[in-house]
């Protein structure tokens, strides 16, 4: 929030910005009537799909009179009607999110993004559901629509986020596999995590993205990419309890750390693209809505570039 801006004014400004934004969905995922998203179904609508020959007994209002006048048979114009879609949030609430050296903790940034995504996507007939996880599946929230459904989802996510995390490493692969078995209709799936848990999440994400549109949101902190020179420090893995003592005054060590962090970042983007999903990185050093607006604005260009380079 800008310095000197009252909290109420800042909240109103954020709400107005979210109302102006729209999350573009690449696939035709809409299935519920009276929504605002594209659908692969055929029926009454404004988006042209195809024409075919008229069959006896069909509604005469569907006849394409311009084409019929130029031929010897009546033809029917088919359209893709607008539909609502299912949106699922896979929300990581593990111990590794209790870290932050900039504007907020990673946990707070992840929770704020989940709230913003719910406000953006729980409109136009869409339904929102969630799977909350750490080392196990903690809660499955069935999809619900409307304002009441959105507010109930946000409230439940807030409760789960404040619950003390369980022991053990984050099991992202388990969450992705659960989502694949649970979600039946083609949906938009948004995975919110720092992706610092045990590996092996790439195959289940690839399998999930084969049917659904998947967005992988990685929550990071600046100190995960660069260690400051602050002398001898003991680092502890919050999920396993493993500790290591590091002399941060060693310049070569800091350079190796930066190189390893950059390789990890590049590997994340490469793995997500290899799964035919979309990657988004959010940092605690920048304002959330500014990052979200920039991502949504660049999303169409990113998809065109991925289609040209990632897949033959």
Protein backbone atom coordinates (compact mmCIF):
# COMPACT_ATOMS: atom_id res chain seq x y z
CA UNK A 1 0.00 0.00 0.00
CA UNK A 2 1.30 3.49 -0.77
CA UNK A 3 2.65 5.49 2.15
CA UNK A 4 0.07 7.85 3.63
CA UNK A 5 -2.92 6.06 2.06
CA UNK A 6 -5.60 5.06 4.62
CA UNK A 7 -6.28 1.29 4.82
CA UNK A 8 -9.91 1.71 3.70
CA UNK A 9 -8.85 3.72 0.65
CA UNK A 10 -6.19 1.15 -0.19
CA UNK A 11 -8.69 -1.70 0.06
CA UNK A 12 -11.16 0.16 -2.15
CA UNK A 13 -8.44 0.86 -4.72
CA UNK A 14 -7.46 -2.83 -4.76
CA UNK A 15 -11.09 -3.88 -5.17
CA UNK A 16 -11.56 -1.49 -8.09
CA UNK A 17 -8.42 -2.80 -9.79
CA UNK A 18 -9.58 -6.41 -9.45
CA UNK A 19 -12.97 -5.53 -10.96
CA UNK A 20 -11.21 -4.16 -14.06
CA UNK A 21 -9.00 -7.22 -14.50
CA UNK A 22 -10.03 -10.39 -16.30
CA UNK A 23 -8.29 -13.77 -16.23
CA UNK A 24 -8.07 -14.98 -19.85
CA UNK A 25 -8.65 -18.74 -20.13
CA UNK A 26 -6.92 -20.36 -23.09
CA UNK A 27 -9.02 -23.51 -23.40
CA UNK A 28 -12.76 -23.87 -23.96
CA UNK A 29 -13.56 -25.08 -20.46
CA UNK A 30 -17.01 -23.66 -19.78
CA UNK A 31 -19.70 -26.23 -18.99
CA UNK A 32 -22.25 -24.53 -16.70
CA UNK A 33 -25.12 -22.55 -18.29
CA UNK A 34 -25.24 -18.77 -18.16
CA UNK A 35 -21.54 -18.13 -17.69
CA UNK A 36 -19.12 -15.77 -19.41
CA UNK A 37 -16.43 -18.20 -20.65
CA UNK A 38 -15.97 -19.98 -23.95
CA UNK A 39 -17.31 -23.50 -24.31
CA UNK A 40 -16.62 -26.40 -26.63
CA UNK A 41 -20.33 -27.25 -26.58
CA UNK A 42 -22.68 -26.37 -29.43
CA UNK A 43 -25.92 -24.47 -28.98
CA UNK A 44 -27.47 -20.98 -29.02
CA UNK A 45 -24.78 -18.35 -28.72
CA UNK A 46 -23.03 -15.46 -30.41
CA UNK A 47 -19.66 -17.11 -31.19
CA UNK A 48 -19.72 -18.76 -34.62
CA UNK A 49 -18.68 -22.44 -34.68
CA UNK A 50 -19.87 -24.10 -37.90
CA UNK A 51 -22.78 -24.60 -40.30
CA UNK A 52 -24.58 -27.80 -41.21
CA UNK A 53 -27.63 -28.87 -43.17
CA UNK A 54 -30.99 -28.28 -41.52
CA UNK A 55 -32.70 -31.35 -40.03
CA UNK A 56 -36.48 -31.74 -39.98
CA UNK A 57 -38.00 -30.58 -36.71
CA UNK A 58 -35.22 -28.21 -35.68
CA UNK A 59 -35.89 -24.65 -34.55
CA UNK A 60 -36.27 -22.49 -37.66
CA UNK A 61 -34.63 -19.57 -35.81
CA UNK A 62 -31.30 -21.38 -36.13
CA UNK A 63 -31.39 -21.31 -39.94
CA UNK A 64 -28.64 -19.27 -41.59
CA UNK A 65 -30.81 -17.45 -44.12
CA UNK A 66 -27.91 -15.81 -45.99
CA UNK A 67 -26.27 -19.16 -46.71
CA UNK A 68 -29.62 -20.84 -47.40
CA UNK A 69 -30.49 -18.16 -49.99
CA UNK A 70 -27.27 -18.96 -51.91
CA UNK A 71 -27.89 -22.73 -52.00
CA UNK A 72 -30.64 -25.20 -52.78
CA UNK A 73 -30.94 -26.54 -49.21
CA UNK A 74 -31.51 -24.88 -45.81
CA UNK A 75 -28.49 -24.64 -43.49
CA UNK A 76 -28.23 -24.13 -39.73
CA UNK A 77 -25.65 -21.89 -38.05
CA UNK A 78 -24.01 -23.46 -35.00
CA UNK A 79 -22.48 -21.42 -32.19
CA UNK A 80 -20.45 -21.94 -29.03
CA UNK A 81 -22.61 -20.70 -26.16
CA UNK A 82 -21.08 -18.92 -23.18
CA UNK A 83 -20.75 -21.11 -20.11
CA UNK A 84 -19.37 -20.95 -16.57
CA UNK A 85 -16.23 -22.92 -15.68
CA UNK A 86 -14.89 -24.78 -12.66
CA UNK A 87 -11.81 -23.27 -11.00
CA UNK A 88 -9.74 -25.24 -8.49
CA UNK A 89 -7.10 -23.76 -6.19
CA UNK A 90 -4.41 -26.14 -4.93
CA UNK A 91 -3.09 -24.25 -1.90
CA UNK A 92 0.17 -25.18 -0.14
CA UNK A 93 0.12 -24.34 3.61
CA UNK A 94 3.39 -26.06 4.60
CA UNK A 95 6.03 -24.77 7.02
CA UNK A 96 8.35 -23.48 4.29
CA UNK A 97 5.88 -20.66 3.61
CA UNK A 98 6.57 -19.17 7.07
CA UNK A 99 9.42 -17.11 5.67
CA UNK A 100 9.65 -13.57 4.42
CA UNK A 101 12.21 -10.77 4.54
CA UNK A 102 10.48 -8.09 2.47
CA UNK A 103 6.89 -6.83 2.49
CA UNK A 104 5.29 -9.95 3.98
CA UNK A 105 5.65 -13.68 4.63
CA UNK A 106 5.31 -16.07 1.72
CA UNK A 107 2.25 -17.52 3.49
CA UNK A 108 0.58 -14.10 3.49
CA UNK A 109 1.41 -13.57 -0.18
CA UNK A 110 -0.02 -16.99 -1.10
CA UNK A 111 -3.20 -16.28 0.88
CA UNK A 112 -3.56 -12.85 -0.74
CA UNK A 113 -3.19 -14.35 -4.19
CA UNK A 114 -5.81 -17.01 -3.43
CA UNK A 115 -8.23 -14.25 -2.34
CA UNK A 116 -7.53 -12.19 -5.48
CA UNK A 117 -7.93 -15.22 -7.75
CA UNK A 118 -11.23 -16.07 -6.08
CA UNK A 119 -12.52 -12.52 -6.59
CA UNK A 120 -11.38 -12.49 -10.22
CA UNK A 121 -12.64 -15.91 -11.23
CA UNK A 122 -15.77 -16.45 -9.11
CA UNK A 123 -17.79 -14.34 -11.54
CA UNK A 124 -19.97 -14.89 -14.59
CA UNK A 125 -21.33 -18.24 -13.41
CA UNK A 126 -17.94 -19.76 -12.49
CA UNK A 127 -17.57 -22.16 -9.57
CA UNK A 128 -14.60 -22.17 -7.14
CA UNK A 129 -13.20 -25.16 -5.26
CA UNK A 130 -9.94 -25.83 -3.41
CA UNK A 131 -7.57 -28.55 -2.22
CA UNK A 132 -5.46 -27.54 0.80
CA UNK A 133 -2.30 -29.57 1.45
CA UNK A 134 1.11 -29.77 3.09
CA UNK A 135 2.63 -33.24 3.67
CA UNK A 136 -0.91 -34.64 3.26
CA UNK A 137 -4.31 -33.54 1.99
CA UNK A 138 -5.82 -31.34 4.71
CA UNK A 139 -9.09 -30.19 3.20
CA UNK A 140 -11.09 -30.52 -0.01
CA UNK A 141 -13.59 -27.72 -0.60
CA UNK A 142 -16.22 -28.60 -3.18
CA UNK A 143 -16.80 -26.06 -5.99
CA UNK A 144 -19.48 -23.46 -5.28
CA UNK A 145 -20.71 -20.45 -7.24
CA UNK A 146 -21.97 -17.00 -6.40
CA UNK A 147 -20.91 -14.44 -3.85
CA UNK A 148 -21.78 -16.65 -0.88
CA UNK A 149 -19.75 -19.52 -2.32
CA UNK A 150 -16.74 -17.26 -2.89
CA UNK A 151 -16.86 -15.77 0.60
CA UNK A 152 -17.21 -19.22 2.17
CA UNK A 153 -14.20 -20.46 0.18
CA UNK A 154 -12.02 -17.50 1.23
CA UNK A 155 -13.05 -17.96 4.88
CA UNK A 156 -12.21 -21.67 4.85
CA UNK A 157 -8.85 -21.02 3.18
CA UNK A 158 -8.03 -18.43 5.85
CA UNK A 159 -8.77 -20.96 8.59
CA UNK A 160 -6.65 -23.65 6.94
CA UNK A 161 -3.77 -21.23 6.35
CA UNK A 162 -3.62 -20.32 10.05
CA UNK A 163 -3.65 -23.94 11.22
CA UNK A 164 -0.23 -25.18 12.44
CA UNK A 165 1.40 -27.13 9.55
CA UNK A 166 1.93 -30.84 9.95
CA UNK A 167 5.35 -32.53 10.15
CA UNK A 168 7.17 -33.75 7.08
CA UNK A 169 8.05 -32.39 3.67
CA UNK A 170 5.50 -30.87 1.30
CA UNK A 171 3.94 -33.52 -0.94
CA UNK A 172 2.99 -31.58 -4.06
CA UNK A 173 2.87 -34.76 -6.13
CA UNK A 174 0.15 -36.12 -3.81
CA UNK A 175 -1.92 -32.94 -4.22
CA UNK A 176 -1.61 -33.01 -8.01
CA UNK A 177 -2.51 -36.69 -8.15
CA UNK A 178 -5.52 -36.10 -5.90
CA UNK A 179 -6.66 -33.26 -8.15
CA UNK A 180 -6.36 -35.45 -11.23
CA UNK A 181 -8.55 -38.17 -9.69
CA UNK A 182 -11.03 -35.76 -8.13
CA UNK A 183 -11.67 -33.17 -10.86
CA UNK A 184 -13.92 -34.72 -13.50
CA UNK A 185 -14.85 -31.77 -15.71
CA UNK A 186 -12.25 -29.80 -17.68
CA UNK A 187 -11.27 -26.99 -15.31
CA UNK A 188 -8.81 -24.20 -14.60
CA UNK A 189 -6.41 -25.48 -11.91
CA UNK A 190 -4.18 -22.97 -10.09
CA UNK A 191 -1.37 -24.46 -7.98
CA UNK A 192 -0.10 -22.06 -5.27
CA UNK A 193 3.17 -23.19 -3.65
CA UNK A 194 6.83 -22.31 -3.19
CA UNK A 195 7.74 -25.60 -4.95
CA UNK A 196 10.47 -26.29 -2.36
CA UNK A 197 9.25 -29.72 -1.31
CA UNK A 198 10.39 -33.14 -2.42
CA UNK A 199 10.59 -33.51 -6.20
CA UNK A 200 8.51 -35.78 -8.38
CA UNK A 201 5.70 -33.31 -9.02
CA UNK A 202 6.45 -32.98 -12.74
CA UNK A 203 4.76 -36.22 -14.00
CA UNK A 204 1.49 -35.68 -12.09
CA UNK A 205 1.38 -32.06 -13.26
CA UNK A 206 1.86 -33.20 -16.85
CA UNK A 207 -0.97 -35.71 -16.44
CA UNK A 208 -3.22 -33.06 -14.86
CA UNK A 209 -2.50 -30.52 -17.63
CA UNK A 210 -3.43 -33.08 -20.30
CA UNK A 211 -7.10 -32.54 -19.38
CA UNK A 212 -7.16 -29.21 -17.55
CA UNK A 213 -5.60 -25.77 -17.90
CA UNK A 214 -2.95 -25.55 -15.17
CA UNK A 215 -1.22 -22.45 -13.79
CA UNK A 216 1.75 -23.02 -11.43
CA UNK A 217 2.17 -20.05 -9.07
CA UNK A 218 5.56 -20.06 -7.32
CA UNK A 219 5.80 -17.87 -4.21
CA UNK A 220 9.37 -16.69 -3.50
CA UNK A 221 11.36 -14.31 -1.28
CA UNK A 222 14.43 -12.28 -2.37
CA UNK A 223 16.68 -13.96 0.21
CA UNK A 224 16.07 -17.30 -1.52
CA UNK A 225 18.17 -16.01 -4.43
CA UNK A 226 20.85 -13.99 -2.68
CA UNK A 227 22.46 -14.39 0.77
CA UNK A 228 23.68 -11.15 2.40
CA UNK A 229 27.06 -10.94 4.09
CA UNK A 230 26.04 -11.25 7.76
CA UNK A 231 28.73 -13.58 9.11
CA UNK A 232 28.21 -17.11 10.41
CA UNK A 233 24.54 -18.14 10.31
CA UNK A 234 22.70 -21.37 11.10
CA UNK A 235 20.05 -22.27 8.51
CA UNK A 236 17.27 -24.73 9.28
CA UNK A 237 14.92 -26.54 6.93
CA UNK A 238 11.47 -25.72 8.43
CA UNK A 239 9.94 -28.98 7.18
CA UNK A 240 12.65 -31.51 8.13
CA UNK A 241 14.49 -29.69 10.92
CA UNK A 242 17.88 -30.24 9.23
CA UNK A 243 20.41 -27.54 10.18
CA UNK A 244 23.60 -26.32 8.55
CA UNK A 245 26.04 -23.61 9.60
CA UNK A 246 27.11 -21.20 6.84
CA UNK A 247 29.77 -18.49 6.78
CA UNK A 248 28.03 -15.88 4.64
CA UNK A 249 31.15 -13.71 4.52
CA UNK A 250 32.58 -16.19 2.01
CA UNK A 251 32.13 -14.46 -1.37
CA UNK A 252 32.54 -17.66 -3.42
CA UNK A 253 29.87 -19.37 -1.34
CA UNK A 254 27.44 -16.52 -1.96
CA UNK A 255 28.15 -16.67 -5.70
CA UNK A 256 27.55 -20.43 -5.77
CA UNK A 257 24.30 -19.92 -3.88
CA UNK A 258 23.11 -17.33 -6.42
CA UNK A 259 24.04 -19.64 -9.31
CA UNK A 260 22.22 -22.60 -7.73
CA UNK A 261 19.13 -20.46 -7.04
CA UNK A 262 19.07 -19.27 -10.64
CA UNK A 263 19.36 -22.84 -11.90
CA UNK A 264 16.47 -23.84 -9.64
CA UNK A 265 14.35 -21.00 -11.02
CA UNK A 266 15.13 -21.94 -14.63
CA UNK A 267 14.40 -25.62 -13.90
CA UNK A 268 11.01 -24.70 -12.44
CA UNK A 269 10.01 -22.74 -15.56
CA UNK A 270 11.33 -25.50 -17.83
CA UNK A 271 9.47 -28.24 -15.93
CA UNK A 272 6.20 -26.28 -15.90
CA UNK A 273 6.42 -25.59 -19.63
CA UNK A 274 7.29 -29.22 -20.23
CA UNK A 275 4.05 -30.15 -18.48
CA UNK A 276 2.17 -27.78 -20.84
CA UNK A 277 1.23 -25.55 -17.91
CA UNK A 278 1.79 -21.82 -17.32
CA UNK A 279 4.30 -20.49 -14.77
CA UNK A 280 3.84 -17.42 -12.58
CA UNK A 281 6.39 -16.25 -9.99
CA UNK A 282 5.26 -13.96 -7.16
CA UNK A 283 7.78 -12.30 -4.87
CA UNK A 284 7.28 -10.89 -1.38
CA UNK A 285 9.33 -7.82 -2.38
CA UNK A 286 6.62 -6.40 -4.68
CA UNK A 287 2.96 -5.48 -4.33
CA UNK A 288 0.71 -8.43 -5.17
CA UNK A 289 -1.88 -6.75 -7.39
CA UNK A 290 0.80 -5.04 -9.48
CA UNK A 291 2.41 -8.42 -10.15
CA UNK A 292 -0.95 -10.04 -10.92
CA UNK A 293 -1.99 -7.26 -13.32
CA UNK A 294 1.35 -7.49 -15.15
CA UNK A 295 1.01 -11.28 -15.48
CA UNK A 296 -2.56 -11.16 -16.79
CA UNK A 297 -1.62 -8.47 -19.29
CA UNK A 298 1.26 -10.53 -20.67
CA UNK A 299 -0.56 -13.88 -20.62
CA UNK A 300 -1.74 -13.96 -24.28
CA UNK A 301 1.76 -13.17 -25.57
CA UNK A 302 3.30 -15.81 -23.27
CA UNK A 303 0.92 -18.44 -24.59
CA UNK A 304 1.67 -17.59 -28.21
CA UNK A 305 5.40 -17.82 -27.52
CA UNK A 306 5.01 -21.15 -25.72
CA UNK A 307 2.96 -22.57 -28.59
CA UNK A 308 5.69 -21.60 -31.07
CA UNK A 309 8.74 -22.78 -29.10
CA UNK A 310 7.84 -25.42 -26.54
CA UNK A 311 5.96 -27.88 -28.66
CA UNK A 312 6.39 -29.09 -32.26
